[in-house]
Amino acid sequence: MKKTLLGSALTIATLASAQIDFNATRFGLTAGATYSRVQNAHNPSGPRYSVQGGLLALTPIGSDDQFYIQTELTYFGAGETGDKKEEKKNKWPHAVYANNYLSLPISFKAYFSEGESEFFALGGPRFDFLINQKVKNIPAKREDYAIDKYGKANKFNIGVGAGFGYSYKRQWEITARYDMHLMDTYPDLKNSPIEMATSDPNVAKKKNEHIISLSLSYIFE
């Protein structure tokens, strides 16, 4: 975690010393879908499908129309669900462990050329603030997953991510991205008596949240 924070600080310091033209910043809208899982939690579990959307700012670095800082302010849904096969076998209702965030991703973005329509890659840290958490249909004998017991999600998380996409005339852009939270999503879950009774070695491990997203953005002139 310290190395990640140091790396982010060094990246920001490097960018601050570069030729960044804030006056040429362009703004846009972004929306899309998310697929998420939480590692080492609620086993067996399945993915949660949700949505994302928000605002973005694209600030050029230098004058070659190829390198940028992309800052976003977005809402996105993450978390996970119960395993449908396990639920069907036990005749349980479908469990949902939903975590909804307000996110601030800051990415270095590089187009592969100065062409008007071109592929690009981006990556960087993101800072996520939990807006709300919704848990429903907890399986029998797993009551510790409840928010008021051991299942409360971390209110703040730091992640790192990278992605790639295609830009049409530098206005319409489609982006696929993978992000991973570095902090424990459910810091108290490892202390659950129900979890510890399983003797599963993964119970004591960090519960990292993984998010894959696909978004469509429109950037104003």
C-alpha atoms as a PDB file:
ATOM      1  CA  MET A   1       0.000   0.000   0.000  1.00  0.00           C
ATOM      2  CA  LYS A   2       2.815   2.421   0.880  1.00  0.00           C
ATOM      3  CA  LYS A   3       4.552   1.590  -2.410  1.00  0.00           C
ATOM      4  CA  THR A   4       1.326   2.265  -4.304  1.00  0.00           C
ATOM      5  CA  LEU A   5       0.800   5.627  -2.615  1.00  0.00           C
ATOM      6  CA  LEU A   6       4.438   6.548  -3.239  1.00  0.00           C
ATOM      7  CA  GLY A   7       4.122   5.531  -6.873  1.00  0.00           C
ATOM      8  CA  SER A   8       0.970   7.621  -7.268  1.00  0.00           C
ATOM      9  CA  ALA A   9       2.672  10.616  -5.642  1.00  0.00           C
ATOM     10  CA  LEU A  10       5.693  10.286  -7.946  1.00  0.00           C
ATOM     11  CA  THR A  11       3.425  10.001 -10.976  1.00  0.00           C
ATOM     12  CA  ILE A  12       1.495  13.120  -9.990  1.00  0.00           C
ATOM     13  CA  ALA A  13       4.742  14.998  -9.315  1.00  0.00           C
ATOM     14  CA  THR A  14       6.117  13.982 -12.718  1.00  0.00           C
ATOM     15  CA  LEU A  15       2.945  15.073 -14.465  1.00  0.00           C
ATOM     16  CA  ALA A  16       2.926  18.348 -12.558  1.00  0.00           C
ATOM     17  CA  SER A  17       6.378  19.129 -13.948  1.00  0.00           C
ATOM     18  CA  ALA A  18       5.298  18.292 -17.505  1.00  0.00           C
ATOM     19  CA  GLN A  19       3.827  20.779 -19.936  1.00  0.00           C
ATOM     20  CA  ILE A  20       0.173  20.432 -18.962  1.00  0.00           C
ATOM     21  CA  ASP A  21      -2.222  22.870 -20.605  1.00  0.00           C
ATOM     22  CA  PHE A  22      -5.210  23.162 -18.258  1.00  0.00           C
ATOM     23  CA  ASN A  23      -6.712  25.881 -20.458  1.00  0.00           C
ATOM     24  CA  ALA A  24      -7.153  23.304 -23.222  1.00  0.00           C
ATOM     25  CA  THR A  25      -9.072  20.858 -21.025  1.00  0.00           C
ATOM     26  CA  ARG A  26     -12.094  19.267 -22.686  1.00  0.00           C
ATOM     27  CA  PHE A  27     -15.032  17.843 -20.780  1.00  0.00           C
ATOM     28  CA  GLY A  28     -17.312  14.939 -21.473  1.00  0.00           C
ATOM     29  CA  LEU A  29     -19.868  12.401 -20.318  1.00  0.00           C
ATOM     30  CA  THR A  30     -19.336   8.688 -19.789  1.00  0.00           C
ATOM     31  CA  ALA A  31     -21.653   5.733 -19.130  1.00  0.00           C
ATOM     32  CA  GLY A  32     -21.416   1.976 -19.243  1.00  0.00           C
ATOM     33  CA  ALA A  33     -21.619  -1.387 -17.501  1.00  0.00           C
ATOM     34  CA  THR A  34     -19.565  -3.122 -14.807  1.00  0.00           C
ATOM     35  CA  TYR A  35     -18.779  -6.727 -13.892  1.00  0.00           C
ATOM     36  CA  SER A  36     -17.368  -7.253 -10.395  1.00  0.00           C
ATOM     37  CA  ARG A  37     -16.257  -9.935  -7.943  1.00  0.00           C
ATOM     38  CA  VAL A  38     -14.778  -9.867  -4.427  1.00  0.00           C
ATOM     39  CA  GLN A  39     -11.902 -12.258  -3.860  1.00  0.00           C
ATOM     40  CA  ASN A  40     -12.017 -14.525  -0.763  1.00  0.00           C
ATOM     41  CA  ALA A  41     -15.484 -13.393   0.367  1.00  0.00           C
ATOM     42  CA  HIS A  42     -18.981 -14.960   0.483  1.00  0.00           C
ATOM     43  CA  ASN A  43     -17.691 -18.268  -0.887  1.00  0.00           C
ATOM     44  CA  PRO A  44     -19.089 -19.683  -3.067  1.00  0.00           C
ATOM     45  CA  SER A  45     -20.101 -16.503  -4.857  1.00  0.00           C
ATOM     46  CA  GLY A  46     -20.854 -15.103  -8.281  1.00  0.00           C
ATOM     47  CA  PRO A  47     -20.430 -11.832 -10.184  1.00  0.00           C
ATOM     48  CA  ARG A  48     -22.511  -8.703  -9.895  1.00  0.00           C
ATOM     49  CA  TYR A  49     -23.485  -6.811 -13.055  1.00  0.00           C
ATOM     50  CA  SER A  50     -24.176  -3.118 -12.617  1.00  0.00           C
ATOM     51  CA  VAL A  51     -23.814   0.299 -14.266  1.00  0.00           C
ATOM     52  CA  GLN A  52     -21.523   3.295 -14.166  1.00  0.00           C
ATOM     53  CA  GLY A  53     -21.770   6.889 -15.321  1.00  0.00           C
ATOM     54  CA  GLY A  54     -20.403  10.357 -14.750  1.00  0.00           C
ATOM     55  CA  LEU A  55     -18.193  13.163 -15.992  1.00  0.00           C
ATOM     56  CA  LEU A  56     -14.666  13.304 -17.376  1.00  0.00           C
ATOM     57  CA  ALA A  57     -12.017  15.923 -18.077  1.00  0.00           C
ATOM     58  CA  LEU A  58      -9.283  15.436 -20.684  1.00  0.00           C
ATOM     59  CA  THR A  59      -6.201  17.633 -20.222  1.00  0.00           C
ATOM     60  CA  PRO A  60      -3.380  17.588 -22.818  1.00  0.00           C
ATOM     61  CA  ILE A  61       0.278  17.057 -21.955  1.00  0.00           C
ATOM     62  CA  GLY A  62       2.476  18.858 -24.453  1.00  0.00           C
ATOM     63  CA  SER A  63       1.320  19.989 -27.885  1.00  0.00           C
ATOM     64  CA  ASP A  64       1.454  16.788 -29.938  1.00  0.00           C
ATOM     65  CA  ASP A  65      -2.212  15.832 -29.354  1.00  0.00           C
ATOM     66  CA  GLN A  66      -1.214  12.369 -28.167  1.00  0.00           C
ATOM     67  CA  PHE A  67      -0.738  12.340 -24.370  1.00  0.00           C
ATOM     68  CA  TYR A  68      -3.354  13.375 -21.801  1.00  0.00           C
ATOM     69  CA  ILE A  69      -4.459  13.243 -18.194  1.00  0.00           C
ATOM     70  CA  GLN A  70      -8.003  11.925 -17.929  1.00  0.00           C
ATOM     71  CA  THR A  71      -9.803  12.704 -14.666  1.00  0.00           C
ATOM     72  CA  GLU A  72     -13.250  11.286 -13.984  1.00  0.00           C
ATOM     73  CA  LEU A  73     -15.967  11.627 -11.381  1.00  0.00           C
ATOM     74  CA  THR A  74     -18.243   8.633 -11.706  1.00  0.00           C
ATOM     75  CA  TYR A  75     -20.808   6.516  -9.934  1.00  0.00           C
ATOM     76  CA  PHE A  76     -20.340   2.776 -10.306  1.00  0.00           C
ATOM     77  CA  GLY A  77     -21.809  -0.374  -8.868  1.00  0.00           C
ATOM     78  CA  ALA A  78     -19.582  -3.217  -7.645  1.00  0.00           C
ATOM     79  CA  GLY A  79     -19.640  -6.066  -5.122  1.00  0.00           C
ATOM     80  CA  GLU A  80     -20.833  -9.568  -5.943  1.00  0.00           C
ATOM     81  CA  THR A  81     -23.734 -12.016  -5.625  1.00  0.00           C
ATOM     82  CA  GLY A  82     -24.349 -15.539  -4.435  1.00  0.00           C
ATOM     83  CA  ASP A  83     -23.426 -18.545  -6.558  1.00  0.00           C
ATOM     84  CA  LYS A  84     -26.539 -19.443  -8.586  1.00  0.00           C
ATOM     85  CA  LYS A  85     -25.752 -23.166  -8.785  1.00  0.00           C
ATOM     86  CA  GLU A  86     -25.314 -23.395  -5.019  1.00  0.00           C
ATOM     87  CA  GLU A  87     -28.490 -21.384  -4.452  1.00  0.00           C
ATOM     88  CA  LYS A  88     -30.503 -23.539  -6.838  1.00  0.00           C
ATOM     89  CA  LYS A  89     -29.269 -26.735  -5.182  1.00  0.00           C
ATOM     90  CA  ASN A  90     -30.213 -25.456  -1.705  1.00  0.00           C
ATOM     91  CA  LYS A  91     -33.364 -23.621  -2.894  1.00  0.00           C
ATOM     92  CA  TRP A  92     -32.063 -20.297  -1.575  1.00  0.00           C
ATOM     93  CA  PRO A  93     -33.143 -16.923  -2.977  1.00  0.00           C
ATOM     94  CA  HIS A  94     -30.455 -15.089  -4.959  1.00  0.00           C
ATOM     95  CA  ALA A  95     -28.078 -13.244  -2.595  1.00  0.00           C
ATOM     96  CA  VAL A  96     -26.758  -9.779  -3.454  1.00  0.00           C
ATOM     97  CA  TYR A  97     -23.786  -8.024  -1.822  1.00  0.00           C
ATOM     98  CA  ALA A  98     -23.877  -4.643  -3.562  1.00  0.00           C
ATOM     99  CA  ASN A  99     -21.311  -1.882  -3.012  1.00  0.00           C
ATOM    100  CA  ASN A 100     -21.995   1.414  -4.798  1.00  0.00           C
ATOM    101  CA  TYR A 101     -19.247   4.019  -5.082  1.00  0.00           C
ATOM    102  CA  LEU A 102     -18.461   7.595  -6.039  1.00  0.00           C
ATOM    103  CA  SER A 103     -15.114   7.253  -7.794  1.00  0.00           C
ATOM    104  CA  LEU A 104     -12.264   9.571  -8.787  1.00  0.00           C
ATOM    105  CA  PRO A 105      -9.998   7.819 -11.336  1.00  0.00           C
ATOM    106  CA  ILE A 106      -6.921   9.750 -12.512  1.00  0.00           C
ATOM    107  CA  SER A 107      -5.346   8.181 -15.591  1.00  0.00           C
ATOM    108  CA  PHE A 108      -2.443   8.808 -17.921  1.00  0.00           C
ATOM    109  CA  LYS A 109      -3.852   8.376 -21.419  1.00  0.00           C
ATOM    110  CA  ALA A 110      -1.852   7.813 -24.602  1.00  0.00           C
ATOM    111  CA  TYR A 111      -3.247   7.674 -28.116  1.00  0.00           C
ATOM    112  CA  PHE A 112      -1.217   5.439 -30.424  1.00  0.00           C
ATOM    113  CA  SER A 113      -0.755   8.285 -32.909  1.00  0.00           C
ATOM    114  CA  GLU A 114      -1.831  11.870 -33.517  1.00  0.00           C
ATOM    115  CA  GLY A 115      -4.569  10.641 -35.850  1.00  0.00           C
ATOM    116  CA  GLU A 116      -8.089  11.950 -35.383  1.00  0.00           C
ATOM    117  CA  SER A 117      -9.491   8.418 -34.969  1.00  0.00           C
ATOM    118  CA  GLU A 118      -7.142   6.093 -33.107  1.00  0.00           C
ATOM    119  CA  PHE A 119      -6.703   3.417 -30.447  1.00  0.00           C
ATOM    120  CA  PHE A 120      -5.489   4.423 -26.995  1.00  0.00           C
ATOM    121  CA  ALA A 121      -4.367   2.990 -23.657  1.00  0.00           C
ATOM    122  CA  LEU A 122      -4.781   4.433 -20.177  1.00  0.00           C
ATOM    123  CA  GLY A 123      -3.987   3.580 -16.587  1.00  0.00           C
ATOM    124  CA  GLY A 124      -3.607   4.972 -13.095  1.00  0.00           C
ATOM    125  CA  PRO A 125      -5.012   5.086  -9.563  1.00  0.00           C
ATOM    126  CA  ARG A 126      -8.613   5.533  -8.505  1.00  0.00           C
ATOM    127  CA  PHE A 127     -10.051   6.724  -5.206  1.00  0.00           C
ATOM    128  CA  ASP A 128     -13.425   5.225  -4.321  1.00  0.00           C
ATOM    129  CA  PHE A 129     -15.893   6.418  -1.689  1.00  0.00           C
ATOM    130  CA  LEU A 130     -18.695   4.062  -0.651  1.00  0.00           C
ATOM    131  CA  ILE A 131     -22.080   5.742  -1.176  1.00  0.00           C
ATOM    132  CA  ASN A 132     -24.178   2.848   0.055  1.00  0.00           C
ATOM    133  CA  GLN A 133     -24.124  -0.884   0.622  1.00  0.00           C
ATOM    134  CA  LYS A 134     -27.073  -3.192   0.040  1.00  0.00           C
ATOM    135  CA  VAL A 135     -27.169  -6.811   1.179  1.00  0.00           C
ATOM    136  CA  LYS A 136     -30.172  -9.056   0.650  1.00  0.00           C
ATOM    137  CA  ASN A 137     -31.117 -12.748   0.770  1.00  0.00           C
ATOM    138  CA  ILE A 138     -28.194 -13.858   2.942  1.00  0.00           C
ATOM    139  CA  PRO A 139     -27.991 -17.694   2.885  1.00  0.00           C
ATOM    140  CA  ALA A 140     -29.019 -19.718   5.918  1.00  0.00           C
ATOM    141  CA  LYS A 141     -26.291 -20.164   8.548  1.00  0.00           C
ATOM    142  CA  ARG A 142     -24.286 -17.268   7.080  1.00  0.00           C
ATOM    143  CA  GLU A 143     -25.846 -14.453   9.058  1.00  0.00           C
ATOM    144  CA  ASP A 144     -22.398 -12.952   9.699  1.00  0.00           C
ATOM    145  CA  TYR A 145     -22.492 -11.550   6.143  1.00  0.00           C
ATOM    146  CA  ALA A 146     -25.012  -8.946   7.343  1.00  0.00           C
ATOM    147  CA  ILE A 147     -23.938  -5.291   7.402  1.00  0.00           C
ATOM    148  CA  ASP A 148     -24.657  -4.974  11.128  1.00  0.00           C
ATOM    149  CA  LYS A 149     -22.407  -7.959  11.912  1.00  0.00           C
ATOM    150  CA  TYR A 150     -19.168  -8.703  10.028  1.00  0.00           C
ATOM    151  CA  GLY A 151     -20.165  -7.830   6.465  1.00  0.00           C
ATOM    152  CA  LYS A 152     -19.818  -4.043   6.502  1.00  0.00           C
ATOM    153  CA  ALA A 153     -17.826  -2.745   3.522  1.00  0.00           C
ATOM    154  CA  ASN A 154     -14.883  -0.358   3.779  1.00  0.00           C
ATOM    155  CA  LYS A 155     -16.044   3.258   3.363  1.00  0.00           C
ATOM    156  CA  PHE A 156     -12.971   4.169   1.295  1.00  0.00           C
ATOM    157  CA  ASN A 157     -10.783   2.203  -1.064  1.00  0.00           C
ATOM    158  CA  ILE A 158      -7.830   2.839  -3.353  1.00  0.00           C
ATOM    159  CA  GLY A 159      -7.492   0.962  -6.598  1.00  0.00           C
ATOM    160  CA  VAL A 160      -5.266   0.714  -9.637  1.00  0.00           C
ATOM    161  CA  GLY A 161      -6.411   0.023 -13.144  1.00  0.00           C
ATOM    162  CA  ALA A 162      -5.593  -0.021 -16.810  1.00  0.00           C
ATOM    163  CA  GLY A 163      -7.519  -0.232 -20.034  1.00  0.00           C
ATOM    164  CA  PHE A 164      -7.629   0.357 -23.744  1.00  0.00           C
ATOM    165  CA  GLY A 165     -10.107   1.731 -26.227  1.00  0.00           C
ATOM    166  CA  TYR A 166     -10.854   3.382 -29.521  1.00  0.00           C
ATOM    167  CA  SER A 167     -11.569   7.041 -30.235  1.00  0.00           C
ATOM    168  CA  TYR A 168     -13.674   8.173 -33.190  1.00  0.00           C
ATOM    169  CA  LYS A 169     -12.710  11.709 -34.220  1.00  0.00           C
ATOM    170  CA  ARG A 170     -11.584  12.369 -30.622  1.00  0.00           C
ATOM    171  CA  GLN A 171     -15.224  12.714 -29.549  1.00  0.00           C
ATOM    172  CA  TRP A 172     -16.848   9.291 -29.278  1.00  0.00           C
ATOM    173  CA  GLU A 173     -14.771   6.781 -27.323  1.00  0.00           C
ATOM    174  CA  ILE A 174     -15.307   3.220 -26.162  1.00  0.00           C
ATOM    175  CA  THR A 175     -13.141   1.936 -23.303  1.00  0.00           C
ATOM    176  CA  ALA A 176     -12.599  -1.470 -21.673  1.00  0.00           C
ATOM    177  CA  ARG A 177     -10.905  -1.304 -18.276  1.00  0.00           C
ATOM    178  CA  TYR A 178      -9.852  -3.542 -15.385  1.00  0.00           C
ATOM    179  CA  ASP A 179      -9.467  -2.215 -11.817  1.00  0.00           C
ATOM    180  CA  MET A 180      -8.519  -3.838  -8.526  1.00  0.00           C
ATOM    181  CA  HIS A 181      -9.052  -2.429  -5.040  1.00  0.00           C
ATOM    182  CA  LEU A 182      -5.907  -2.634  -2.916  1.00  0.00           C
ATOM    183  CA  MET A 183      -7.559  -2.258   0.485  1.00  0.00           C
ATOM    184  CA  ASP A 184      -9.678  -4.897   2.228  1.00  0.00           C
ATOM    185  CA  THR A 185     -13.276  -4.524   1.019  1.00  0.00           C
ATOM    186  CA  TYR A 186     -14.688  -6.321   4.094  1.00  0.00           C
ATOM    187  CA  PRO A 187     -12.096  -5.766   6.868  1.00  0.00           C
ATOM    188  CA  ASP A 188     -14.188  -7.429   9.602  1.00  0.00           C
ATOM    189  CA  LEU A 189     -15.270 -10.533   7.705  1.00  0.00           C
ATOM    190  CA  LYS A 190     -12.137 -12.477   8.657  1.00  0.00           C
ATOM    191  CA  ASN A 191     -13.274 -12.260  12.296  1.00  0.00           C
ATOM    192  CA  SER A 192     -16.617 -13.936  11.605  1.00  0.00           C
ATOM    193  CA  PRO A 193     -17.068 -17.060  13.781  1.00  0.00           C
ATOM    194  CA  ILE A 194     -19.016 -18.685  10.940  1.00  0.00           C
ATOM    195  CA  GLU A 195     -16.204 -18.045   8.470  1.00  0.00           C
ATOM    196  CA  MET A 196     -13.456 -19.198  10.848  1.00  0.00           C
ATOM    197  CA  ALA A 197     -15.370 -22.414  11.575  1.00  0.00           C
ATOM    198  CA  THR A 198     -14.981 -23.473   7.932  1.00  0.00           C
ATOM    199  CA  SER A 199     -11.178 -23.863   8.347  1.00  0.00           C
ATOM    200  CA  ASP A 200     -10.817 -22.327   4.891  1.00  0.00           C
ATOM    201  CA  PRO A 201      -7.356 -20.645   4.706  1.00  0.00           C
ATOM    202  CA  ASN A 202      -8.786 -17.974   2.389  1.00  0.00           C
ATOM    203  CA  VAL A 203     -10.919 -16.600   5.242  1.00  0.00           C
ATOM    204  CA  ALA A 204      -7.919 -14.739   6.684  1.00  0.00           C
ATOM    205  CA  LYS A 205      -6.900 -13.284   3.317  1.00  0.00           C
ATOM    206  CA  LYS A 206      -7.654  -9.785   2.071  1.00  0.00           C
ATOM    207  CA  LYS A 207     -10.985  -9.338   0.297  1.00  0.00           C
ATOM    208  CA  ASN A 208      -9.943  -7.531  -2.893  1.00  0.00           C
ATOM    209  CA  GLU A 209     -12.657  -6.161  -5.158  1.00  0.00           C
ATOM    210  CA  HIS A 210     -12.114  -6.649  -8.908  1.00  0.00           C
ATOM    211  CA  ILE A 211     -14.016  -4.610 -11.496  1.00  0.00           C
ATOM    212  CA  ILE A 212     -14.181  -4.942 -15.279  1.00  0.00           C
ATOM    213  CA  SER A 213     -15.975  -2.119 -17.062  1.00  0.00           C
ATOM    214  CA  LEU A 214     -17.034  -1.197 -20.579  1.00  0.00           C
ATOM    215  CA  SER A 215     -17.955   2.434 -21.180  1.00  0.00           C
ATOM    216  CA  LEU A 216     -18.973   4.807 -23.957  1.00  0.00           C
ATOM    217  CA  SER A 217     -17.886   8.443 -23.669  1.00  0.00           C
ATOM    218  CA  TYR A 218     -18.686  11.633 -25.529  1.00  0.00           C
ATOM    219  CA  ILE A 219     -16.146  14.469 -25.295  1.00  0.00           C
ATOM    220  CA  PHE A 220     -17.317  17.974 -26.123  1.00  0.00           C
ATOM    221  CA  GLU A 221     -15.331  20.215 -28.481  1.00  0.00           C
END
